[in-house]
Amino acid sequence: MARLQPGLPRTEVEGLLGTAAARIHPANVRDNKVTYLATYEITSPLTAGDSRTVVTVEYDAAKPGHTLLSVQVVLSAS
């Protein structure tokens, strides 16, 4: 998770998180920026027992490579 830094292109983010579990949300226009969210369910060392790690990232849809803007990580019970 520490390698997920703003400015990374989507291909690099998906290289870290995988693509199979991605759920892409519709684009948004906010503050004159076109962005979209993608949610990834991942298995990681943080995941234990009946818990799962859900990572939601925000991409800049207008920049080449759809660069990463923000990351939210939630560990929750299944």
PDB file of N, CA and C in Angstrom:
ATOM      1  N   MET A   1       0.812  -1.202   0.000  1.00  0.00           N
ATOM      2  CA  MET A   1       0.000   0.000   0.000  1.00  0.00           C
ATOM      3  C   MET A   1       0.855   1.266   0.000  1.00  0.00           C
ATOM      4  N   ALA A   2       2.002   1.200   0.605  1.00  0.00           N
ATOM      5  CA  ALA A   2       2.859   2.385   0.690  1.00  0.00           C
ATOM      6  C   ALA A   2       3.333   2.844  -0.687  1.00  0.00           C
ATOM      7  N   ARG A   3       3.320   1.947  -1.664  1.00  0.00           N
ATOM      8  CA  ARG A   3       3.776   2.321  -3.010  1.00  0.00           C
ATOM      9  C   ARG A   3       2.697   3.040  -3.810  1.00  0.00           C
ATOM     10  N   LEU A   4       1.461   3.082  -3.296  1.00  0.00           N
ATOM     11  CA  LEU A   4       0.389   3.803  -3.973  1.00  0.00           C
ATOM     12  C   LEU A   4       0.511   5.285  -3.650  1.00  0.00           C
ATOM     13  N   GLN A   5       1.062   6.026  -4.565  1.00  0.00           N
ATOM     14  CA  GLN A   5       1.305   7.455  -4.366  1.00  0.00           C
ATOM     15  C   GLN A   5       0.595   8.265  -5.446  1.00  0.00           C
ATOM     16  N   PRO A   6       0.045   9.429  -5.096  1.00  0.00           N
ATOM     17  CA  PRO A   6      -0.563  10.287  -6.113  1.00  0.00           C
ATOM     18  C   PRO A   6       0.411  10.522  -7.270  1.00  0.00           C
ATOM     19  N   GLY A   7      -0.157  10.533  -8.477  1.00  0.00           N
ATOM     20  CA  GLY A   7       0.647  10.754  -9.667  1.00  0.00           C
ATOM     21  C   GLY A   7       0.957   9.479 -10.437  1.00  0.00           C
ATOM     22  N   LEU A   8       0.793   8.304  -9.805  1.00  0.00           N
ATOM     23  CA  LEU A   8       1.033   7.049 -10.517  1.00  0.00           C
ATOM     24  C   LEU A   8      -0.025   6.868 -11.602  1.00  0.00           C
ATOM     25  N   PRO A   9       0.351   6.378 -12.782  1.00  0.00           N
ATOM     26  CA  PRO A   9      -0.659   6.082 -13.796  1.00  0.00           C
ATOM     27  C   PRO A   9      -1.462   4.839 -13.411  1.00  0.00           C
ATOM     28  N   ARG A  10      -2.655   4.743 -13.955  1.00  0.00           N
ATOM     29  CA  ARG A  10      -3.548   3.623 -13.623  1.00  0.00           C
ATOM     30  C   ARG A  10      -2.889   2.267 -13.878  1.00  0.00           C
ATOM     31  N   THR A  11      -2.112   2.142 -14.938  1.00  0.00           N
ATOM     32  CA  THR A  11      -1.481   0.847 -15.234  1.00  0.00           C
ATOM     33  C   THR A  11      -0.550   0.407 -14.107  1.00  0.00           C
ATOM     34  N   GLU A  12       0.160   1.353 -13.492  1.00  0.00           N
ATOM     35  CA  GLU A  12       1.040   1.007 -12.375  1.00  0.00           C
ATOM     36  C   GLU A  12       0.238   0.639 -11.124  1.00  0.00           C
ATOM     37  N   VAL A  13      -0.854   1.358 -10.891  1.00  0.00           N
ATOM     38  CA  VAL A  13      -1.716   1.043  -9.749  1.00  0.00           C
ATOM     39  C   VAL A  13      -2.266  -0.369  -9.911  1.00  0.00           C
ATOM     40  N   GLU A  14      -2.740  -0.692 -11.114  1.00  0.00           N
ATOM     41  CA  GLU A  14      -3.292  -2.019 -11.347  1.00  0.00           C
ATOM     42  C   GLU A  14      -2.207  -3.091 -11.331  1.00  0.00           C
ATOM     43  N   GLY A  15      -0.976  -2.722 -11.608  1.00  0.00           N
ATOM     44  CA  GLY A  15       0.125  -3.660 -11.460  1.00  0.00           C
ATOM     45  C   GLY A  15       0.328  -4.041 -10.003  1.00  0.00           C
ATOM     46  N   LEU A  16       0.025  -3.130  -9.102  1.00  0.00           N
ATOM     47  CA  LEU A  16       0.146  -3.385  -7.671  1.00  0.00           C
ATOM     48  C   LEU A  16      -1.089  -4.085  -7.093  1.00  0.00           C
ATOM     49  N   LEU A  17      -2.285  -3.687  -7.559  1.00  0.00           N
ATOM     50  CA  LEU A  17      -3.532  -4.186  -6.975  1.00  0.00           C
ATOM     51  C   LEU A  17      -4.195  -5.292  -7.791  1.00  0.00           C
ATOM     52  N   GLY A  18      -3.841  -5.404  -9.061  1.00  0.00           N
ATOM     53  CA  GLY A  18      -4.501  -6.353  -9.954  1.00  0.00           C
ATOM     54  C   GLY A  18      -5.660  -5.682 -10.663  1.00  0.00           C
ATOM     55  N   THR A  19      -6.143  -6.320 -11.713  1.00  0.00           N
ATOM     56  CA  THR A  19      -7.247  -5.743 -12.479  1.00  0.00           C
ATOM     57  C   THR A  19      -8.531  -6.541 -12.357  1.00  0.00           C
ATOM     58  N   ALA A  20      -8.426  -7.809 -12.028  1.00  0.00           N
ATOM     59  CA  ALA A  20      -9.595  -8.691 -12.043  1.00  0.00           C
ATOM     60  C   ALA A  20     -10.689  -8.245 -11.080  1.00  0.00           C
ATOM     61  N   ALA A  21     -10.325  -7.714  -9.940  1.00  0.00           N
ATOM     62  CA  ALA A  21     -11.326  -7.354  -8.932  1.00  0.00           C
ATOM     63  C   ALA A  21     -11.760  -5.895  -9.017  1.00  0.00           C
ATOM     64  N   ALA A  22     -11.323  -5.171 -10.042  1.00  0.00           N
ATOM     65  CA  ALA A  22     -11.639  -3.744 -10.133  1.00  0.00           C
ATOM     66  C   ALA A  22     -13.108  -3.513 -10.470  1.00  0.00           C
ATOM     67  N   ARG A  23     -13.712  -2.605  -9.749  1.00  0.00           N
ATOM     68  CA  ARG A  23     -15.065  -2.136 -10.058  1.00  0.00           C
ATOM     69  C   ARG A  23     -14.941  -0.654 -10.369  1.00  0.00           C
ATOM     70  N   ILE A  24     -15.205  -0.282 -11.602  1.00  0.00           N
ATOM     71  CA  ILE A  24     -15.047   1.103 -12.051  1.00  0.00           C
ATOM     72  C   ILE A  24     -16.390   1.823 -11.901  1.00  0.00           C
ATOM     73  N   HIS A  25     -16.348   2.988 -11.287  1.00  0.00           N
ATOM     74  CA  HIS A  25     -17.541   3.802 -11.072  1.00  0.00           C
ATOM     75  C   HIS A  25     -17.645   4.863 -12.171  1.00  0.00           C
ATOM     76  N   PRO A  26     -18.845   5.409 -12.398  1.00  0.00           N
ATOM     77  CA  PRO A  26     -19.015   6.448 -13.425  1.00  0.00           C
ATOM     78  C   PRO A  26     -18.167   7.690 -13.129  1.00  0.00           C
ATOM     79  N   ALA A  27     -17.831   8.397 -14.195  1.00  0.00           N
ATOM     80  CA  ALA A  27     -17.028   9.622 -14.065  1.00  0.00           C
ATOM     81  C   ALA A  27     -17.842  10.713 -13.373  1.00  0.00           C
ATOM     82  N   ASN A  28     -17.117  11.605 -12.725  1.00  0.00           N
ATOM     83  CA  ASN A  28     -17.653  12.744 -11.977  1.00  0.00           C
ATOM     84  C   ASN A  28     -16.990  14.014 -12.469  1.00  0.00           C
ATOM     85  N   VAL A  29     -17.688  15.112 -12.437  1.00  0.00           N
ATOM     86  CA  VAL A  29     -17.058  16.410 -12.671  1.00  0.00           C
ATOM     87  C   VAL A  29     -17.166  17.184 -11.373  1.00  0.00           C
ATOM     88  N   ARG A  30     -16.007  17.547 -10.806  1.00  0.00           N
ATOM     89  CA  ARG A  30     -15.963  18.273  -9.540  1.00  0.00           C
ATOM     90  C   ARG A  30     -14.818  19.264  -9.627  1.00  0.00           C
ATOM     91  N   ASP A  31     -15.084  20.505  -9.283  1.00  0.00           N
ATOM     92  CA  ASP A  31     -14.055  21.555  -9.333  1.00  0.00           C
ATOM     93  C   ASP A  31     -13.371  21.592 -10.698  1.00  0.00           C
ATOM     94  N   ASN A  32     -14.160  21.472 -11.756  1.00  0.00           N
ATOM     95  CA  ASN A  32     -13.663  21.491 -13.138  1.00  0.00           C
ATOM     96  C   ASN A  32     -12.688  20.359 -13.443  1.00  0.00           C
ATOM     97  N   LYS A  33     -12.748  19.262 -12.676  1.00  0.00           N
ATOM     98  CA  LYS A  33     -11.926  18.080 -12.917  1.00  0.00           C
ATOM     99  C   LYS A  33     -12.841  16.896 -13.209  1.00  0.00           C
ATOM    100  N   VAL A  34     -12.436  16.092 -14.179  1.00  0.00           N
ATOM    101  CA  VAL A  34     -13.166  14.866 -14.472  1.00  0.00           C
ATOM    102  C   VAL A  34     -12.408  13.727 -13.796  1.00  0.00           C
ATOM    103  N   THR A  35     -13.071  13.074 -12.840  1.00  0.00           N
ATOM    104  CA  THR A  35     -12.431  11.997 -12.094  1.00  0.00           C
ATOM    105  C   THR A  35     -13.363  10.790 -12.063  1.00  0.00           C
ATOM    106  N   TYR A  36     -12.813   9.654 -11.669  1.00  0.00           N
ATOM    107  CA  TYR A  36     -13.625   8.474 -11.431  1.00  0.00           C
ATOM    108  C   TYR A  36     -12.969   7.631 -10.352  1.00  0.00           C
ATOM    109  N   LEU A  37     -13.791   6.808  -9.712  1.00  0.00           N
ATOM    110  CA  LEU A  37     -13.316   5.925  -8.657  1.00  0.00           C
ATOM    111  C   LEU A  37     -13.246   4.497  -9.177  1.00  0.00           C
ATOM    112  N   ALA A  38     -12.314   3.752  -8.638  1.00  0.00           N
ATOM    113  CA  ALA A  38     -12.225   2.316  -8.881  1.00  0.00           C
ATOM    114  C   ALA A  38     -12.039   1.648  -7.525  1.00  0.00           C
ATOM    115  N   THR A  39     -12.746   0.545  -7.320  1.00  0.00           N
ATOM    116  CA  THR A  39     -12.676  -0.181  -6.061  1.00  0.00           C
ATOM    117  C   THR A  39     -12.077  -1.558  -6.320  1.00  0.00           C
ATOM    118  N   TYR A  40     -11.115  -1.928  -5.495  1.00  0.00           N
ATOM    119  CA  TYR A  40     -10.432  -3.212  -5.619  1.00  0.00           C
ATOM    120  C   TYR A  40     -10.562  -3.957  -4.297  1.00  0.00           C
ATOM    121  N   GLU A  41     -10.981  -5.222  -4.350  1.00  0.00           N
ATOM    122  CA  GLU A  41     -10.943  -6.089  -3.171  1.00  0.00           C
ATOM    123  C   GLU A  41      -9.663  -6.888  -3.300  1.00  0.00           C
ATOM    124  N   ILE A  42      -8.838  -6.840  -2.279  1.00  0.00           N
ATOM    125  CA  ILE A  42      -7.543  -7.497  -2.393  1.00  0.00           C
ATOM    126  C   ILE A  42      -7.279  -8.432  -1.219  1.00  0.00           C
ATOM    127  N   THR A  43      -6.396  -9.362  -1.463  1.00  0.00           N
ATOM    128  CA  THR A  43      -5.868 -10.227  -0.417  1.00  0.00           C
ATOM    129  C   THR A  43      -4.475  -9.717  -0.120  1.00  0.00           C
ATOM    130  N   SER A  44      -4.214  -9.483   1.133  1.00  0.00           N
ATOM    131  CA  SER A  44      -2.923  -8.919   1.510  1.00  0.00           C
ATOM    132  C   SER A  44      -2.570  -9.385   2.916  1.00  0.00           C
ATOM    133  N   PRO A  45      -1.373  -9.062   3.362  1.00  0.00           N
ATOM    134  CA  PRO A  45      -1.013  -9.397   4.744  1.00  0.00           C
ATOM    135  C   PRO A  45      -1.939  -8.738   5.773  1.00  0.00           C
ATOM    136  N   LEU A  46      -2.648  -7.685   5.371  1.00  0.00           N
ATOM    137  CA  LEU A  46      -3.583  -7.027   6.285  1.00  0.00           C
ATOM    138  C   LEU A  46      -4.845  -7.859   6.487  1.00  0.00           C
ATOM    139  N   THR A  47      -5.124  -8.747   5.534  1.00  0.00           N
ATOM    140  CA  THR A  47      -6.338  -9.541   5.580  1.00  0.00           C
ATOM    141  C   THR A  47      -6.141 -10.752   6.474  1.00  0.00           C
ATOM    142  N   ALA A  48      -7.060 -10.916   7.426  1.00  0.00           N
ATOM    143  CA  ALA A  48      -6.961 -12.055   8.344  1.00  0.00           C
ATOM    144  C   ALA A  48      -8.357 -12.612   8.611  1.00  0.00           C
ATOM    145  N   GLY A  49      -8.472 -13.923   8.655  1.00  0.00           N
ATOM    146  CA  GLY A  49      -9.751 -14.557   8.980  1.00  0.00           C
ATOM    147  C   GLY A  49     -10.861 -14.158   8.038  1.00  0.00           C
ATOM    148  N   ASP A  50     -11.952 -13.636   8.594  1.00  0.00           N
ATOM    149  CA  ASP A  50     -13.117 -13.264   7.806  1.00  0.00           C
ATOM    150  C   ASP A  50     -13.098 -11.797   7.401  1.00  0.00           C
ATOM    151  N   SER A  51     -11.927 -11.202   7.326  1.00  0.00           N
ATOM    152  CA  SER A  51     -11.814  -9.795   6.949  1.00  0.00           C
ATOM    153  C   SER A  51     -11.390  -9.677   5.497  1.00  0.00           C
ATOM    154  N   ARG A  52     -11.602  -8.510   4.940  1.00  0.00           N
ATOM    155  CA  ARG A  52     -11.147  -8.237   3.574  1.00  0.00           C
ATOM    156  C   ARG A  52     -10.612  -6.816   3.510  1.00  0.00           C
ATOM    157  N   THR A  53      -9.754  -6.589   2.565  1.00  0.00           N
ATOM    158  CA  THR A  53      -9.213  -5.254   2.359  1.00  0.00           C
ATOM    159  C   THR A  53      -9.821  -4.690   1.085  1.00  0.00           C
ATOM    160  N   VAL A  54     -10.444  -3.531   1.200  1.00  0.00           N
ATOM    161  CA  VAL A  54     -11.043  -2.858   0.061  1.00  0.00           C
ATOM    162  C   VAL A  54     -10.286  -1.551  -0.147  1.00  0.00           C
ATOM    163  N   VAL A  55      -9.773  -1.386  -1.357  1.00  0.00           N
ATOM    164  CA  VAL A  55      -9.021  -0.184  -1.695  1.00  0.00           C
ATOM    165  C   VAL A  55      -9.824   0.586  -2.732  1.00  0.00           C
ATOM    166  N   THR A  56     -10.139   1.845  -2.432  1.00  0.00           N
ATOM    167  CA  THR A  56     -10.830   2.718  -3.376  1.00  0.00           C
ATOM    168  C   THR A  56      -9.856   3.815  -3.782  1.00  0.00           C
ATOM    169  N   VAL A  57      -9.685   3.951  -5.081  1.00  0.00           N
ATOM    170  CA  VAL A  57      -8.760   4.963  -5.596  1.00  0.00           C
ATOM    171  C   VAL A  57      -9.525   5.920  -6.504  1.00  0.00           C
ATOM    172  N   GLU A  58      -9.035   7.142  -6.575  1.00  0.00           N
ATOM    173  CA  GLU A  58      -9.617   8.148  -7.448  1.00  0.00           C
ATOM    174  C   GLU A  58      -8.584   8.474  -8.522  1.00  0.00           C
ATOM    175  N   TYR A  59      -9.037   8.426  -9.779  1.00  0.00           N
ATOM    176  CA  TYR A  59      -8.169   8.725 -10.913  1.00  0.00           C
ATOM    177  C   TYR A  59      -8.592  10.026 -11.584  1.00  0.00           C
ATOM    178  N   ASP A  60      -7.632  10.717 -12.173  1.00  0.00           N
ATOM    179  CA  ASP A  60      -7.882  11.904 -12.979  1.00  0.00           C
ATOM    180  C   ASP A  60      -8.128  11.439 -14.407  1.00  0.00           C
ATOM    181  N   ALA A  61      -9.383  11.493 -14.851  1.00  0.00           N
ATOM    182  CA  ALA A  61      -9.756  10.976 -16.171  1.00  0.00           C
ATOM    183  C   ALA A  61      -9.244  11.840 -17.311  1.00  0.00           C
ATOM    184  N   ALA A  62      -8.869  13.075 -17.039  1.00  0.00           N
ATOM    185  CA  ALA A  62      -8.452  13.986 -18.100  1.00  0.00           C
ATOM    186  C   ALA A  62      -6.953  13.923 -18.395  1.00  0.00           C
ATOM    187  N   LYS A  63      -6.171  13.367 -17.498  1.00  0.00           N
ATOM    188  CA  LYS A  63      -4.723  13.302 -17.707  1.00  0.00           C
ATOM    189  C   LYS A  63      -4.348  12.007 -18.414  1.00  0.00           C
ATOM    190  N   PRO A  64      -3.358  12.066 -19.295  1.00  0.00           N
ATOM    191  CA  PRO A  64      -2.887  10.840 -19.947  1.00  0.00           C
ATOM    192  C   PRO A  64      -2.455   9.816 -18.899  1.00  0.00           C
ATOM    193  N   GLY A  65      -2.881   8.585 -19.079  1.00  0.00           N
ATOM    194  CA  GLY A  65      -2.539   7.532 -18.126  1.00  0.00           C
ATOM    195  C   GLY A  65      -3.457   7.472 -16.930  1.00  0.00           C
ATOM    196  N   HIS A  66      -4.408   8.398 -16.850  1.00  0.00           N
ATOM    197  CA  HIS A  66      -5.357   8.459 -15.732  1.00  0.00           C
ATOM    198  C   HIS A  66      -4.622   8.341 -14.400  1.00  0.00           C
ATOM    199  N   THR A  67      -3.974   9.424 -14.007  1.00  0.00           N
ATOM    200  CA  THR A  67      -3.129   9.420 -12.816  1.00  0.00           C
ATOM    201  C   THR A  67      -3.933   9.325 -11.519  1.00  0.00           C
ATOM    202  N   LEU A  68      -3.297   8.717 -10.538  1.00  0.00           N
ATOM    203  CA  LEU A  68      -3.887   8.505  -9.223  1.00  0.00           C
ATOM    204  C   LEU A  68      -3.945   9.827  -8.461  1.00  0.00           C
ATOM    205  N   LEU A  69      -5.124  10.112  -7.906  1.00  0.00           N
ATOM    206  CA  LEU A  69      -5.294  11.318  -7.094  1.00  0.00           C
ATOM    207  C   LEU A  69      -5.353  11.017  -5.606  1.00  0.00           C
ATOM    208  N   SER A  70      -6.063   9.948  -5.226  1.00  0.00           N
ATOM    209  CA  SER A  70      -6.202   9.626  -3.806  1.00  0.00           C
ATOM    210  C   SER A  70      -6.450   8.143  -3.614  1.00  0.00           C
ATOM    211  N   VAL A  71      -6.196   7.688  -2.370  1.00  0.00           N
ATOM    212  CA  VAL A  71      -6.348   6.285  -2.010  1.00  0.00           C
ATOM    213  C   VAL A  71      -7.060   6.194  -0.668  1.00  0.00           C
ATOM    214  N   GLN A  72      -8.023   5.283  -0.553  1.00  0.00           N
ATOM    215  CA  GLN A  72      -8.672   4.994   0.714  1.00  0.00           C
ATOM    216  C   GLN A  72      -8.639   3.483   0.916  1.00  0.00           C
ATOM    217  N   VAL A  73      -8.138   3.036   2.069  1.00  0.00           N
ATOM    218  CA  VAL A  73      -8.043   1.607   2.382  1.00  0.00           C
ATOM    219  C   VAL A  73      -8.942   1.314   3.570  1.00  0.00           C
ATOM    220  N   VAL A  74      -9.802   0.284   3.411  1.00  0.00           N
ATOM    221  CA  VAL A  74     -10.715  -0.093   4.477  1.00  0.00           C
ATOM    222  C   VAL A  74     -10.575  -1.599   4.715  1.00  0.00           C
ATOM    223  N   LEU A  75     -10.331  -1.972   5.950  1.00  0.00           N
ATOM    224  CA  LEU A  75     -10.292  -3.362   6.363  1.00  0.00           C
ATOM    225  C   LEU A  75     -11.595  -3.635   7.084  1.00  0.00           C
ATOM    226  N   SER A  76     -12.413  -4.564   6.552  1.00  0.00           N
ATOM    227  CA  SER A  76     -13.710  -4.788   7.169  1.00  0.00           C
ATOM    228  C   SER A  76     -14.034  -6.273   7.231  1.00  0.00           C
ATOM    229  N   ALA A  77     -14.991  -6.614   8.088  1.00  0.00           N
ATOM    230  CA  ALA A  77     -15.426  -8.003   8.206  1.00  0.00           C
ATOM    231  C   ALA A  77     -16.271  -8.337   6.998  1.00  0.00           C
ATOM    232  N   SER A  78     -16.201  -9.576   6.541  1.00  0.00           N
ATOM    233  CA  SER A  78     -16.988 -10.019   5.389  1.00  0.00           C
ATOM    234  C   SER A  78     -18.444 -10.191   5.763  1.00  0.00           C
TER     235      SER A  78
END
